[in-house]
Structures are given as structure tokens and as C-alpha cells.
């Protein structure tokens, strides 16, 4: 059994091939990633993409697009939260101004 944080060999089955990789990530997590990718490739093949390499490349592009969009959404949401917090602080300061050091 490997210690936490130590890379270990994990076999993944993807598109009819067995891949052996070294990773610190849990095996079940990596297998779920491989399963997700295989499902995406299979969906593309069903839609008419015949070449497995093309299907894999298209699936990778689609998943990368999802990742980039999720990052943009997260960044935008964080900006929105920051703006709202700033507005809330400004409102609170109008209602209950902070004591100045000189007034203490």
C-alpha cells in the first residue's frame, strides 16, 4: 500500500486499450475520468465520426471548452461577489461610519 501523496501505478482501460499510468490521484477517480472520456468519444462516434483519433481529438476539444467556460464563469462569479461586497461595505459605512483613530 502506498503512502499518501506517493505516485502509484494504475491501469486504465480506454477505447479498447490498457494504459498504465503513475499518479497520486485515487484510482477510482482516474477510472471515472477515463469512463467520462470514453462516453464522450462514444457519443461522437454515434453522431457519425468514424475515425477514433478524430473522435478522441474532438472529445478533448469539447472537454477543454467546458473547462475554459467553467473557469470564465467562476472568475465572473468571483468578480460579481467582490463587487457586491464592496457595495455592501460602502452602504454599511454610510449607515454606521467607522470610528476614526483621532476620535478615540
C-alpha atoms as a PDB file:
ATOM      1  CA  UNK A   1       0.000   0.000   0.000  1.00  0.00           C
ATOM      2  CA  UNK A   2       1.405   3.395  -0.926  1.00  0.00           C
ATOM      3  CA  UNK A   3       1.596   6.343   1.419  1.00  0.00           C
ATOM      4  CA  UNK A   4      -0.497   9.447   0.887  1.00  0.00           C
ATOM      5  CA  UNK A   5       0.979  11.709  -1.769  1.00  0.00           C
ATOM      6  CA  UNK A   6       3.031   8.910  -3.308  1.00  0.00           C
ATOM      7  CA  UNK A   7       2.572   8.147  -7.010  1.00  0.00           C
ATOM      8  CA  UNK A   8       1.478   4.604  -7.777  1.00  0.00           C
ATOM      9  CA  UNK A   9       0.808   2.631 -10.946  1.00  0.00           C
ATOM     10  CA  UNK A  10      -2.793   2.479 -12.077  1.00  0.00           C
ATOM     11  CA  UNK A  11      -4.234   0.608 -15.051  1.00  0.00           C
ATOM     12  CA  UNK A  12      -6.919   2.381 -17.034  1.00  0.00           C
ATOM     13  CA  UNK A  13      -8.978   0.886 -19.827  1.00  0.00           C
ATOM     14  CA  UNK A  14      -9.781   3.426 -22.503  1.00  0.00           C
ATOM     15  CA  UNK A  15     -11.083   2.867 -26.014  1.00  0.00           C
ATOM     16  CA  UNK A  16     -10.059  -0.777 -26.074  1.00  0.00           C
ATOM     17  CA  UNK A  17      -6.558  -0.118 -24.770  1.00  0.00           C
ATOM     18  CA  UNK A  18      -4.994  -0.610 -21.381  1.00  0.00           C
ATOM     19  CA  UNK A  19      -2.965   2.344 -20.177  1.00  0.00           C
ATOM     20  CA  UNK A  20      -0.697   2.134 -17.157  1.00  0.00           C
ATOM     21  CA  UNK A  21      -0.040   5.491 -15.550  1.00  0.00           C
ATOM     22  CA  UNK A  22       1.652   6.735 -12.395  1.00  0.00           C
ATOM     23  CA  UNK A  23      -0.411   9.114 -10.306  1.00  0.00           C
ATOM     24  CA  UNK A  24      -1.062  10.269  -6.770  1.00  0.00           C
ATOM     25  CA  UNK A  25      -4.782  10.571  -7.563  1.00  0.00           C
ATOM     26  CA  UNK A  26      -7.135   7.845  -6.332  1.00  0.00           C
ATOM     27  CA  UNK A  27      -7.589   5.005  -8.825  1.00  0.00           C
ATOM     28  CA  UNK A  28     -11.394   5.299  -8.739  1.00  0.00           C
ATOM     29  CA  UNK A  29     -11.164   8.979  -9.640  1.00  0.00           C
ATOM     30  CA  UNK A  30      -8.869   8.285 -12.597  1.00  0.00           C
ATOM     31  CA  UNK A  31     -11.122   5.476 -13.773  1.00  0.00           C
ATOM     32  CA  UNK A  32     -14.112   7.835 -13.647  1.00  0.00           C
ATOM     33  CA  UNK A  33     -12.178  10.307 -15.829  1.00  0.00           C
ATOM     34  CA  UNK A  34     -11.398   7.567 -18.348  1.00  0.00           C
ATOM     35  CA  UNK A  35     -15.039   6.462 -18.331  1.00  0.00           C
ATOM     36  CA  UNK A  36     -16.217  10.029 -18.937  1.00  0.00           C
ATOM     37  CA  UNK A  37     -13.815  10.470 -21.848  1.00  0.00           C
ATOM     38  CA  UNK A  38     -14.864   7.145 -23.340  1.00  0.00           C
ATOM     39  CA  UNK A  39     -18.541   8.137 -23.079  1.00  0.00           C
ATOM     40  CA  UNK A  40     -17.816  11.408 -24.900  1.00  0.00           C
ATOM     41  CA  UNK A  41     -15.910   9.602 -27.665  1.00  0.00           C
ATOM     42  CA  UNK A  42     -18.693   7.025 -27.995  1.00  0.00           C
ATOM     43  CA  UNK A  43     -21.288   9.799 -28.351  1.00  0.00           C
ATOM     44  CA  UNK A  44     -19.229  11.386 -31.132  1.00  0.00           C
ATOM     45  CA  UNK A  45     -18.906   8.041 -32.910  1.00  0.00           C
ATOM     46  CA  UNK A  46     -22.687   7.608 -32.714  1.00  0.00           C
ATOM     47  CA  UNK A  47     -23.103  11.036 -34.290  1.00  0.00           C
ATOM     48  CA  UNK A  48     -21.106   9.944 -37.333  1.00  0.00           C
ATOM     49  CA  UNK A  49     -17.424  10.443 -36.505  1.00  0.00           C
ATOM     50  CA  UNK A  50     -15.801   7.213 -37.678  1.00  0.00           C
ATOM     51  CA  UNK A  51     -12.092   7.725 -37.041  1.00  0.00           C
ATOM     52  CA  UNK A  52     -11.216   7.017 -33.381  1.00  0.00           C
ATOM     53  CA  UNK A  53      -8.362   9.547 -33.371  1.00  0.00           C
ATOM     54  CA  UNK A  54     -10.653  12.260 -34.712  1.00  0.00           C
ATOM     55  CA  UNK A  55     -13.322  11.343 -32.157  1.00  0.00           C
ATOM     56  CA  UNK A  56     -10.755  11.496 -29.352  1.00  0.00           C
ATOM     57  CA  UNK A  57      -9.436  14.867 -30.553  1.00  0.00           C
ATOM     58  CA  UNK A  58     -12.960  16.305 -30.821  1.00  0.00           C
ATOM     59  CA  UNK A  59     -13.859  14.993 -27.361  1.00  0.00           C
ATOM     60  CA  UNK A  60     -10.683  16.544 -25.941  1.00  0.00           C
ATOM     61  CA  UNK A  61     -11.515  19.899 -27.561  1.00  0.00           C
ATOM     62  CA  UNK A  62     -15.077  19.762 -26.267  1.00  0.00           C
ATOM     63  CA  UNK A  63     -13.970  18.927 -22.725  1.00  0.00           C
ATOM     64  CA  UNK A  64     -11.319  21.661 -22.863  1.00  0.00           C
ATOM     65  CA  UNK A  65     -14.014  24.115 -23.969  1.00  0.00           C
ATOM     66  CA  UNK A  66     -16.116  23.084 -20.956  1.00  0.00           C
ATOM     67  CA  UNK A  67     -13.130  23.649 -18.658  1.00  0.00           C
ATOM     68  CA  UNK A  68     -12.398  27.109 -20.070  1.00  0.00           C
ATOM     69  CA  UNK A  69     -16.055  28.158 -19.855  1.00  0.00           C
ATOM     70  CA  UNK A  70     -16.259  26.928 -16.249  1.00  0.00           C
ATOM     71  CA  UNK A  71     -13.142  28.932 -15.389  1.00  0.00           C
ATOM     72  CA  UNK A  72     -14.625  32.049 -17.014  1.00  0.00           C
ATOM     73  CA  UNK A  73     -17.895  31.566 -15.120  1.00  0.00           C
ATOM     74  CA  UNK A  74     -16.033  31.124 -11.836  1.00  0.00           C
ATOM     75  CA  UNK A  75     -13.928  34.223 -12.458  1.00  0.00           C
ATOM     76  CA  UNK A  76     -17.005  36.258 -13.387  1.00  0.00           C
ATOM     77  CA  UNK A  77     -18.874  34.998 -10.314  1.00  0.00           C
ATOM     78  CA  UNK A  78     -15.944  35.895  -8.063  1.00  0.00           C
ATOM     79  CA  UNK A  79     -15.887  39.371  -9.604  1.00  0.00           C
ATOM     80  CA  UNK A  80     -19.620  39.740  -9.006  1.00  0.00           C
ATOM     81  CA  UNK A  81     -19.232  38.698  -5.376  1.00  0.00           C
ATOM     82  CA  UNK A  82     -16.369  41.157  -4.912  1.00  0.00           C
ATOM     83  CA  UNK A  83     -18.394  43.994  -6.412  1.00  0.00           C
ATOM     84  CA  UNK A  84     -21.401  43.167  -4.239  1.00  0.00           C
ATOM     85  CA  UNK A  85     -19.261  43.006  -1.113  1.00  0.00           C
ATOM     86  CA  UNK A  86     -17.726  46.366  -1.984  1.00  0.00           C
ATOM     87  CA  UNK A  87     -21.173  47.911  -2.436  1.00  0.00           C
ATOM     88  CA  UNK A  88     -22.333  46.384   0.845  1.00  0.00           C
ATOM     89  CA  UNK A  89     -19.305  47.745   2.717  1.00  0.00           C
ATOM     90  CA  UNK A  90     -19.920  51.208   1.225  1.00  0.00           C
ATOM     91  CA  UNK A  91     -23.566  51.054   2.302  1.00  0.00           C
ATOM     92  CA  UNK A  92     -22.641  49.938   5.819  1.00  0.00           C
ATOM     93  CA  UNK A  93     -20.096  52.736   6.117  1.00  0.00           C
ATOM     94  CA  UNK A  94     -22.768  55.280   5.180  1.00  0.00           C
ATOM     95  CA  UNK A  95     -25.112  53.920   7.825  1.00  0.00           C
ATOM     96  CA  UNK A  96     -22.520  53.381  10.557  1.00  0.00           C
ATOM     97  CA  UNK A  97     -19.277  55.197   9.776  1.00  0.00           C
ATOM     98  CA  UNK A  98     -16.146  53.733  11.333  1.00  0.00           C
ATOM     99  CA  UNK A  99     -14.595  55.498  14.270  1.00  0.00           C
ATOM    100  CA  UNK A 100     -11.542  57.427  13.227  1.00  0.00           C
ATOM    101  CA  UNK A 101      -8.374  56.853  15.195  1.00  0.00           C
ATOM    102  CA  UNK A 102      -8.342  60.540  16.175  1.00  0.00           C
ATOM    103  CA  UNK A 103     -11.854  60.321  17.659  1.00  0.00           C
ATOM    104  CA  UNK A 104     -10.935  57.557  20.090  1.00  0.00           C
END
